[in-house]
N, C-alpha and C. Protein backbone atom coordinates (compact mmCIF):
# COMPACT_ATOMS: atom_id res chain seq x y z
N MET A 1 -98.67 163.80 26.14
CA MET A 1 -99.58 162.72 26.25
C MET A 1 -98.86 161.56 27.11
N ALA A 2 -97.64 161.20 26.87
CA ALA A 2 -97.01 160.08 27.55
C ALA A 2 -96.82 160.41 29.08
N GLN A 3 -96.44 161.68 29.27
CA GLN A 3 -96.11 162.05 30.64
C GLN A 3 -97.33 161.91 31.53
N GLY A 4 -98.58 162.21 31.09
CA GLY A 4 -99.73 162.06 31.88
C GLY A 4 -100.42 160.76 31.88
N THR A 5 -99.88 159.80 31.10
CA THR A 5 -100.53 158.48 30.92
C THR A 5 -100.33 157.77 32.11
N ARG A 6 -101.39 157.11 32.59
CA ARG A 6 -101.25 156.28 33.82
C ARG A 6 -100.82 154.82 33.43
N VAL A 7 -100.01 154.42 34.28
CA VAL A 7 -99.44 152.99 34.07
C VAL A 7 -99.92 152.21 35.28
N TYR A 8 -100.38 150.91 34.94
CA TYR A 8 -100.95 150.16 35.99
C TYR A 8 -100.13 148.74 36.10
N ASP A 9 -100.03 148.31 37.32
CA ASP A 9 -99.42 146.92 37.54
C ASP A 9 -100.63 146.07 37.44
N TRP A 10 -100.84 145.45 36.23
CA TRP A 10 -102.17 144.83 35.98
C TRP A 10 -102.46 143.69 36.85
N TYR A 11 -101.51 142.88 37.22
CA TYR A 11 -101.76 141.88 38.18
C TYR A 11 -101.39 142.03 39.58
N GLY A 12 -100.78 143.21 39.92
CA GLY A 12 -100.32 143.52 41.27
C GLY A 12 -99.12 142.87 41.68
N ASP A 13 -98.37 142.18 40.71
CA ASP A 13 -97.10 141.49 41.11
C ASP A 13 -95.98 141.75 40.21
N GLY A 14 -96.09 142.82 39.40
CA GLY A 14 -94.98 143.14 38.47
C GLY A 14 -94.89 142.32 37.27
N ARG A 15 -95.83 141.36 36.96
CA ARG A 15 -95.79 140.62 35.82
C ARG A 15 -96.00 141.35 34.47
N LEU A 16 -96.87 142.44 34.61
CA LEU A 16 -97.17 143.19 33.41
C LEU A 16 -97.55 144.58 33.81
N LEU A 17 -96.95 145.59 33.10
CA LEU A 17 -97.48 146.99 33.36
C LEU A 17 -98.28 147.31 32.14
N VAL A 18 -99.36 148.05 32.33
CA VAL A 18 -100.22 148.41 31.23
C VAL A 18 -100.57 149.89 31.19
N ALA A 19 -100.38 150.56 30.11
CA ALA A 19 -100.72 151.96 29.99
C ALA A 19 -101.74 152.10 28.82
N ASP A 20 -102.68 153.04 28.93
CA ASP A 20 -103.66 153.29 27.92
C ASP A 20 -103.51 154.68 27.30
N LEU A 21 -103.36 154.71 25.95
CA LEU A 21 -103.39 155.87 25.21
C LEU A 21 -104.88 156.07 24.74
N GLY A 22 -105.68 156.63 25.55
CA GLY A 22 -107.10 156.78 25.22
C GLY A 22 -107.43 157.93 24.35
N LEU A 23 -107.98 157.61 23.23
CA LEU A 23 -108.23 158.62 22.27
C LEU A 23 -109.79 158.83 21.91
N ALA A 24 -110.47 157.84 22.39
CA ALA A 24 -112.05 158.02 22.19
C ALA A 24 -112.79 157.02 23.06
N CYS A 25 -113.90 156.61 22.52
CA CYS A 25 -114.94 155.88 23.37
C CYS A 25 -114.36 154.69 24.05
N CYS A 26 -113.52 153.89 23.41
CA CYS A 26 -113.08 152.67 24.09
C CYS A 26 -112.26 152.87 25.34
N THR A 27 -111.84 154.10 25.58
CA THR A 27 -111.19 154.45 26.80
C THR A 27 -112.00 154.16 27.99
N LEU A 28 -113.27 154.38 27.75
CA LEU A 28 -114.21 154.07 28.99
C LEU A 28 -114.22 152.57 29.36
N GLU A 29 -114.04 151.80 28.29
CA GLU A 29 -114.00 150.26 28.61
C GLU A 29 -112.68 149.99 29.21
N PHE A 30 -111.60 150.61 28.83
CA PHE A 30 -110.33 150.34 29.38
C PHE A 30 -110.40 150.79 30.87
N GLU A 31 -110.93 151.89 31.18
CA GLU A 31 -111.05 152.35 32.54
C GLU A 31 -111.84 151.47 33.37
N ALA A 32 -112.83 150.83 32.83
CA ALA A 32 -113.61 149.85 33.61
C ALA A 32 -112.77 148.66 33.88
N ALA A 33 -111.97 148.17 33.02
CA ALA A 33 -111.13 147.06 33.17
C ALA A 33 -110.06 147.41 34.21
N ALA A 34 -109.59 148.66 34.14
CA ALA A 34 -108.39 149.05 35.08
C ALA A 34 -108.85 149.60 36.41
N ALA A 35 -110.11 149.69 36.65
CA ALA A 35 -110.65 150.37 37.90
C ALA A 35 -110.02 149.93 39.14
N ASP A 36 -109.77 148.55 39.25
CA ASP A 36 -109.24 148.06 40.54
C ASP A 36 -107.85 147.81 40.57
N ARG A 37 -107.09 148.38 39.55
CA ARG A 37 -105.64 148.13 39.37
C ARG A 37 -104.90 149.27 40.08
N ARG A 38 -103.63 148.90 40.49
CA ARG A 38 -102.86 149.92 41.17
C ARG A 38 -101.91 150.63 40.23
N GLU A 39 -101.98 151.89 40.30
CA GLU A 39 -101.19 152.80 39.44
C GLU A 39 -99.73 152.72 39.85
N VAL A 40 -98.84 152.67 39.04
CA VAL A 40 -97.38 152.54 39.45
C VAL A 40 -96.56 153.45 38.45
N ALA A 41 -95.36 153.63 38.81
CA ALA A 41 -94.30 154.28 37.92
C ALA A 41 -93.56 153.08 37.35
N PRO A 42 -93.26 153.10 36.03
CA PRO A 42 -92.48 151.99 35.41
C PRO A 42 -91.33 151.55 36.20
N ALA A 43 -90.59 152.48 36.78
CA ALA A 43 -89.39 152.16 37.55
C ALA A 43 -89.70 151.35 38.72
N ASP A 44 -90.93 151.24 39.17
CA ASP A 44 -91.27 150.47 40.38
C ASP A 44 -91.28 148.95 40.07
N ALA A 45 -91.27 148.63 38.85
CA ALA A 45 -91.36 147.22 38.39
C ALA A 45 -90.25 146.95 37.23
N PRO A 46 -89.04 147.12 37.72
CA PRO A 46 -87.94 146.98 36.66
C PRO A 46 -87.99 145.51 36.03
N GLY A 47 -87.81 145.51 34.70
CA GLY A 47 -87.90 144.27 34.03
C GLY A 47 -89.27 143.70 33.63
N ALA A 48 -90.36 144.31 34.22
CA ALA A 48 -91.69 143.85 33.93
C ALA A 48 -91.99 144.38 32.46
N PRO A 49 -92.64 143.48 31.60
CA PRO A 49 -92.99 143.91 30.30
C PRO A 49 -94.07 145.01 30.39
N LEU A 50 -94.04 145.79 29.41
CA LEU A 50 -94.98 146.95 29.28
C LEU A 50 -95.87 146.75 28.08
N ALA A 51 -97.17 146.88 28.33
CA ALA A 51 -98.13 146.88 27.16
C ALA A 51 -98.75 148.21 27.09
N VAL A 52 -98.75 148.83 25.90
CA VAL A 52 -99.44 150.09 25.68
C VAL A 52 -100.70 149.78 24.86
N VAL A 53 -101.83 150.10 25.50
CA VAL A 53 -103.11 149.86 24.84
C VAL A 53 -103.50 151.20 24.16
N VAL A 54 -103.78 151.08 22.87
CA VAL A 54 -104.21 152.25 22.11
C VAL A 54 -105.74 152.08 21.91
N SER A 55 -106.56 152.97 22.50
CA SER A 55 -108.00 152.75 22.47
C SER A 55 -108.63 153.92 21.78
N GLY A 56 -109.47 153.61 20.74
CA GLY A 56 -110.21 154.75 20.11
C GLY A 56 -109.68 155.03 18.69
N THR A 57 -110.37 155.98 18.07
CA THR A 57 -110.09 156.41 16.75
C THR A 57 -108.79 157.21 16.70
N VAL A 58 -107.92 156.90 15.71
CA VAL A 58 -106.70 157.62 15.59
C VAL A 58 -106.79 158.55 14.28
N PRO A 59 -107.05 159.90 14.54
CA PRO A 59 -107.00 160.73 13.41
C PRO A 59 -105.60 160.81 12.76
N ASP A 60 -105.53 161.02 11.48
CA ASP A 60 -104.19 161.11 10.77
C ASP A 60 -103.28 162.14 11.48
N ALA A 61 -103.92 163.20 11.87
CA ALA A 61 -103.21 164.27 12.52
C ALA A 61 -102.51 163.86 13.79
N LEU A 62 -103.03 162.81 14.45
CA LEU A 62 -102.57 162.39 15.75
C LEU A 62 -101.51 161.29 15.60
N VAL A 63 -101.30 160.67 14.39
CA VAL A 63 -100.44 159.57 14.21
C VAL A 63 -99.05 159.91 14.81
N PRO A 64 -98.43 160.97 14.47
CA PRO A 64 -97.06 161.21 15.00
C PRO A 64 -97.08 161.37 16.49
N VAL A 65 -98.23 161.91 17.09
CA VAL A 65 -98.28 162.06 18.52
C VAL A 65 -98.39 160.67 19.16
N VAL A 66 -99.22 159.78 18.63
CA VAL A 66 -99.34 158.46 19.18
C VAL A 66 -98.05 157.64 19.11
N ARG A 67 -97.37 157.79 17.96
CA ARG A 67 -96.06 157.17 17.83
C ARG A 67 -95.10 157.61 18.85
N GLN A 68 -95.03 158.90 19.04
CA GLN A 68 -94.15 159.56 19.98
C GLN A 68 -94.44 159.18 21.32
N ALA A 69 -95.71 159.08 21.74
CA ALA A 69 -96.20 158.62 23.09
C ALA A 69 -95.82 157.20 23.36
N ILE A 70 -95.97 156.29 22.41
CA ILE A 70 -95.46 154.94 22.57
C ILE A 70 -94.07 154.87 22.84
N ASP A 71 -93.24 155.58 22.03
CA ASP A 71 -91.82 155.65 22.17
C ASP A 71 -91.46 156.23 23.60
N ALA A 72 -92.06 157.21 23.92
CA ALA A 72 -91.85 157.84 25.28
C ALA A 72 -92.17 156.95 26.46
N LEU A 73 -93.32 156.23 26.27
CA LEU A 73 -93.54 155.27 27.37
C LEU A 73 -92.51 154.22 27.48
N GLY A 74 -92.05 153.73 26.27
CA GLY A 74 -90.98 152.77 26.24
C GLY A 74 -89.67 153.24 26.90
N ASP A 75 -89.41 154.55 26.56
CA ASP A 75 -88.16 155.15 27.18
C ASP A 75 -88.30 155.31 28.67
N ARG A 76 -89.51 155.69 29.19
CA ARG A 76 -89.69 155.89 30.56
C ARG A 76 -89.56 154.48 31.33
N ALA A 77 -90.02 153.47 30.62
CA ALA A 77 -89.99 152.22 31.23
C ALA A 77 -88.59 151.49 31.06
N GLY A 78 -87.86 151.93 30.12
CA GLY A 78 -86.61 151.31 29.78
C GLY A 78 -86.67 150.06 28.98
N ARG A 79 -87.75 149.89 28.25
CA ARG A 79 -87.94 148.75 27.47
C ARG A 79 -89.00 148.96 26.37
N ARG A 80 -88.95 148.22 25.37
CA ARG A 80 -89.88 148.43 24.24
C ARG A 80 -91.16 147.84 24.57
N PRO A 81 -92.28 148.61 24.43
CA PRO A 81 -93.63 148.23 24.78
C PRO A 81 -94.21 147.32 23.72
N GLN A 82 -95.07 146.41 24.22
CA GLN A 82 -95.95 145.64 23.35
C GLN A 82 -97.21 146.52 23.11
N VAL A 83 -97.62 146.65 21.82
CA VAL A 83 -98.79 147.58 21.57
C VAL A 83 -100.04 146.66 21.33
N VAL A 84 -101.11 147.12 21.95
CA VAL A 84 -102.37 146.41 21.80
C VAL A 84 -103.41 147.42 21.17
N ALA A 85 -103.99 146.97 20.06
CA ALA A 85 -105.08 147.80 19.46
C ALA A 85 -106.33 147.42 20.13
N TYR A 86 -107.01 148.32 20.86
CA TYR A 86 -108.13 147.98 21.66
C TYR A 86 -109.33 148.60 21.00
N GLY A 87 -110.09 147.82 20.30
CA GLY A 87 -111.45 148.10 19.66
C GLY A 87 -111.25 148.31 18.21
N ALA A 88 -112.25 148.34 17.54
CA ALA A 88 -112.41 148.40 16.07
C ALA A 88 -111.65 149.63 15.46
N CYS A 89 -111.81 150.71 16.20
CA CYS A 89 -111.17 151.89 15.59
C CYS A 89 -109.67 151.87 15.62
N ALA A 90 -109.12 151.40 16.72
CA ALA A 90 -107.70 151.37 16.81
C ALA A 90 -107.19 150.20 15.89
N ASP A 91 -107.87 149.13 15.68
CA ASP A 91 -107.52 148.09 14.75
C ASP A 91 -107.63 148.34 13.35
N SER A 92 -108.76 148.95 12.95
CA SER A 92 -108.98 149.16 11.49
C SER A 92 -109.65 150.45 11.05
N GLY A 93 -109.76 151.40 11.95
CA GLY A 93 -110.51 152.64 11.65
C GLY A 93 -111.98 152.61 12.03
N GLY A 94 -112.49 151.37 12.41
CA GLY A 94 -113.86 151.25 12.88
C GLY A 94 -114.83 151.81 11.83
N PRO A 95 -115.84 152.44 12.32
CA PRO A 95 -116.94 152.98 11.42
C PRO A 95 -116.35 154.06 10.61
N TYR A 96 -115.18 154.60 10.92
CA TYR A 96 -114.58 155.74 10.16
C TYR A 96 -113.51 155.31 9.17
N TRP A 97 -113.56 153.97 8.78
CA TRP A 97 -112.42 153.37 8.06
C TRP A 97 -112.37 154.11 6.67
N ASP A 98 -113.47 154.67 6.08
CA ASP A 98 -113.39 155.37 4.85
C ASP A 98 -113.16 156.80 4.93
N SER A 99 -112.87 157.34 6.13
CA SER A 99 -112.70 158.81 6.26
C SER A 99 -111.27 159.13 5.75
N TYR A 100 -111.19 160.32 5.13
CA TYR A 100 -109.91 160.77 4.63
C TYR A 100 -108.99 161.27 5.77
N ALA A 101 -109.57 161.41 7.02
CA ALA A 101 -108.86 161.89 8.08
C ALA A 101 -108.52 161.00 9.21
N VAL A 102 -108.86 159.71 9.05
CA VAL A 102 -108.72 158.69 10.05
C VAL A 102 -107.72 157.64 9.60
N ALA A 103 -106.79 157.22 10.47
CA ALA A 103 -105.93 156.10 10.17
C ALA A 103 -106.69 154.78 10.15
N ASP A 104 -106.33 153.96 9.17
CA ASP A 104 -106.94 152.65 9.04
C ASP A 104 -106.31 151.59 9.99
N GLY A 105 -106.13 152.01 11.24
CA GLY A 105 -105.61 151.08 12.27
C GLY A 105 -104.16 151.46 12.59
N ILE A 106 -103.78 151.21 13.80
CA ILE A 106 -102.42 151.68 14.29
C ILE A 106 -101.39 150.79 13.70
N ALA A 107 -101.72 149.65 13.17
CA ALA A 107 -100.58 148.76 12.63
C ALA A 107 -99.96 149.39 11.35
N GLN A 108 -100.66 150.39 10.88
CA GLN A 108 -100.03 151.11 9.68
C GLN A 108 -98.75 151.96 10.14
N PHE A 109 -98.62 152.25 11.43
CA PHE A 109 -97.56 153.13 11.81
C PHE A 109 -96.75 152.58 13.09
N VAL A 110 -97.17 151.58 13.71
CA VAL A 110 -96.51 150.99 14.75
C VAL A 110 -96.72 149.44 14.76
N PRO A 111 -95.72 148.65 15.20
CA PRO A 111 -95.88 147.22 15.28
C PRO A 111 -96.99 146.88 16.31
N VAL A 112 -97.98 146.03 15.96
CA VAL A 112 -99.04 145.78 16.99
C VAL A 112 -98.77 144.27 17.36
N THR A 113 -98.74 144.07 18.66
CA THR A 113 -98.53 142.74 19.24
C THR A 113 -99.85 141.99 19.29
N ALA A 114 -101.05 142.67 19.66
CA ALA A 114 -102.35 141.96 19.86
C ALA A 114 -103.44 142.98 19.58
N VAL A 115 -104.59 142.37 19.15
CA VAL A 115 -105.72 143.12 18.84
C VAL A 115 -106.88 142.72 19.79
N VAL A 116 -107.59 143.56 20.31
CA VAL A 116 -108.84 143.23 21.14
C VAL A 116 -110.01 143.77 20.22
N PRO A 117 -110.75 142.87 19.60
CA PRO A 117 -111.77 143.31 18.59
C PRO A 117 -113.03 143.77 19.34
N GLY A 118 -113.85 144.58 18.61
CA GLY A 118 -115.19 144.98 19.24
C GLY A 118 -115.39 146.44 19.12
N CYS A 119 -116.69 146.76 19.22
CA CYS A 119 -117.10 148.17 19.18
C CYS A 119 -118.37 148.38 20.16
N PRO A 120 -118.04 148.55 21.33
CA PRO A 120 -116.79 148.57 22.06
C PRO A 120 -116.47 147.11 22.49
N PRO A 121 -115.17 146.89 22.65
CA PRO A 121 -114.74 145.53 23.17
C PRO A 121 -115.20 145.50 24.70
N PRO A 122 -115.63 144.35 25.16
CA PRO A 122 -115.93 144.25 26.60
C PRO A 122 -114.62 144.21 27.41
N PRO A 123 -114.61 144.79 28.58
CA PRO A 123 -113.41 144.88 29.40
C PRO A 123 -112.78 143.53 29.62
N GLY A 124 -113.49 142.44 29.80
CA GLY A 124 -113.01 141.10 30.05
C GLY A 124 -112.17 140.58 28.87
N SER A 125 -112.40 141.07 27.65
CA SER A 125 -111.62 140.57 26.48
C SER A 125 -110.26 141.18 26.60
N LEU A 126 -110.07 142.42 27.14
CA LEU A 126 -108.73 142.94 27.34
C LEU A 126 -107.98 142.13 28.36
N ASP A 127 -108.59 141.66 29.35
CA ASP A 127 -107.94 140.67 30.33
C ASP A 127 -107.42 139.45 29.62
N ASP A 128 -108.25 138.87 28.77
CA ASP A 128 -107.87 137.73 28.03
C ASP A 128 -106.61 137.98 27.19
N VAL A 129 -106.59 139.03 26.45
CA VAL A 129 -105.39 139.37 25.53
C VAL A 129 -104.14 139.62 26.45
N LEU A 130 -104.31 140.41 27.48
CA LEU A 130 -103.13 140.63 28.36
C LEU A 130 -102.63 139.35 29.03
N ALA A 131 -103.54 138.48 29.39
CA ALA A 131 -103.03 137.17 29.90
C ALA A 131 -102.31 136.41 28.93
N GLY A 132 -102.63 136.56 27.66
CA GLY A 132 -101.92 135.84 26.58
C GLY A 132 -100.59 136.45 26.41
N LEU A 133 -100.45 137.73 26.59
CA LEU A 133 -99.16 138.32 26.48
C LEU A 133 -98.20 137.95 27.53
N VAL A 134 -98.71 137.77 28.72
CA VAL A 134 -97.94 137.24 29.89
C VAL A 134 -97.51 135.73 29.61
N ALA A 135 -98.46 134.95 29.20
CA ALA A 135 -98.22 133.55 28.89
C ALA A 135 -97.19 133.37 27.80
N ALA A 136 -97.17 134.23 26.82
CA ALA A 136 -96.22 134.10 25.74
C ALA A 136 -94.82 134.55 26.11
N ARG A 137 -94.65 135.15 27.16
CA ARG A 137 -93.37 135.66 27.64
C ARG A 137 -92.43 134.58 28.09
């Protein structure tokens, strides 16, 4: 998963690299937000912070895969990523919160830096959260 994950220079100046671990519907909203962004290799922006956006429902069976993908992206970039839960499913399990097979949000298994609420969240709200990550740096 991490090897094929696209990484974007979100602002085009190396201030923030953003990768999406797209698991379900919210990935479409991420793709809308990323449509005009330049894809890069993390090595092209040394020192730039990395945000990994987890979008969509996380089935319990994929929890280890998501954790490994986040770690692999951090290893590729040479730095620990900030994790963003994008949408209700990534944040809290969404409408599947009571399912025996769905994680009740990614914060159960990885530290989450920020949450973008909504089902689906509008692409502009991702921009707001990412701007906050840059400002907090």
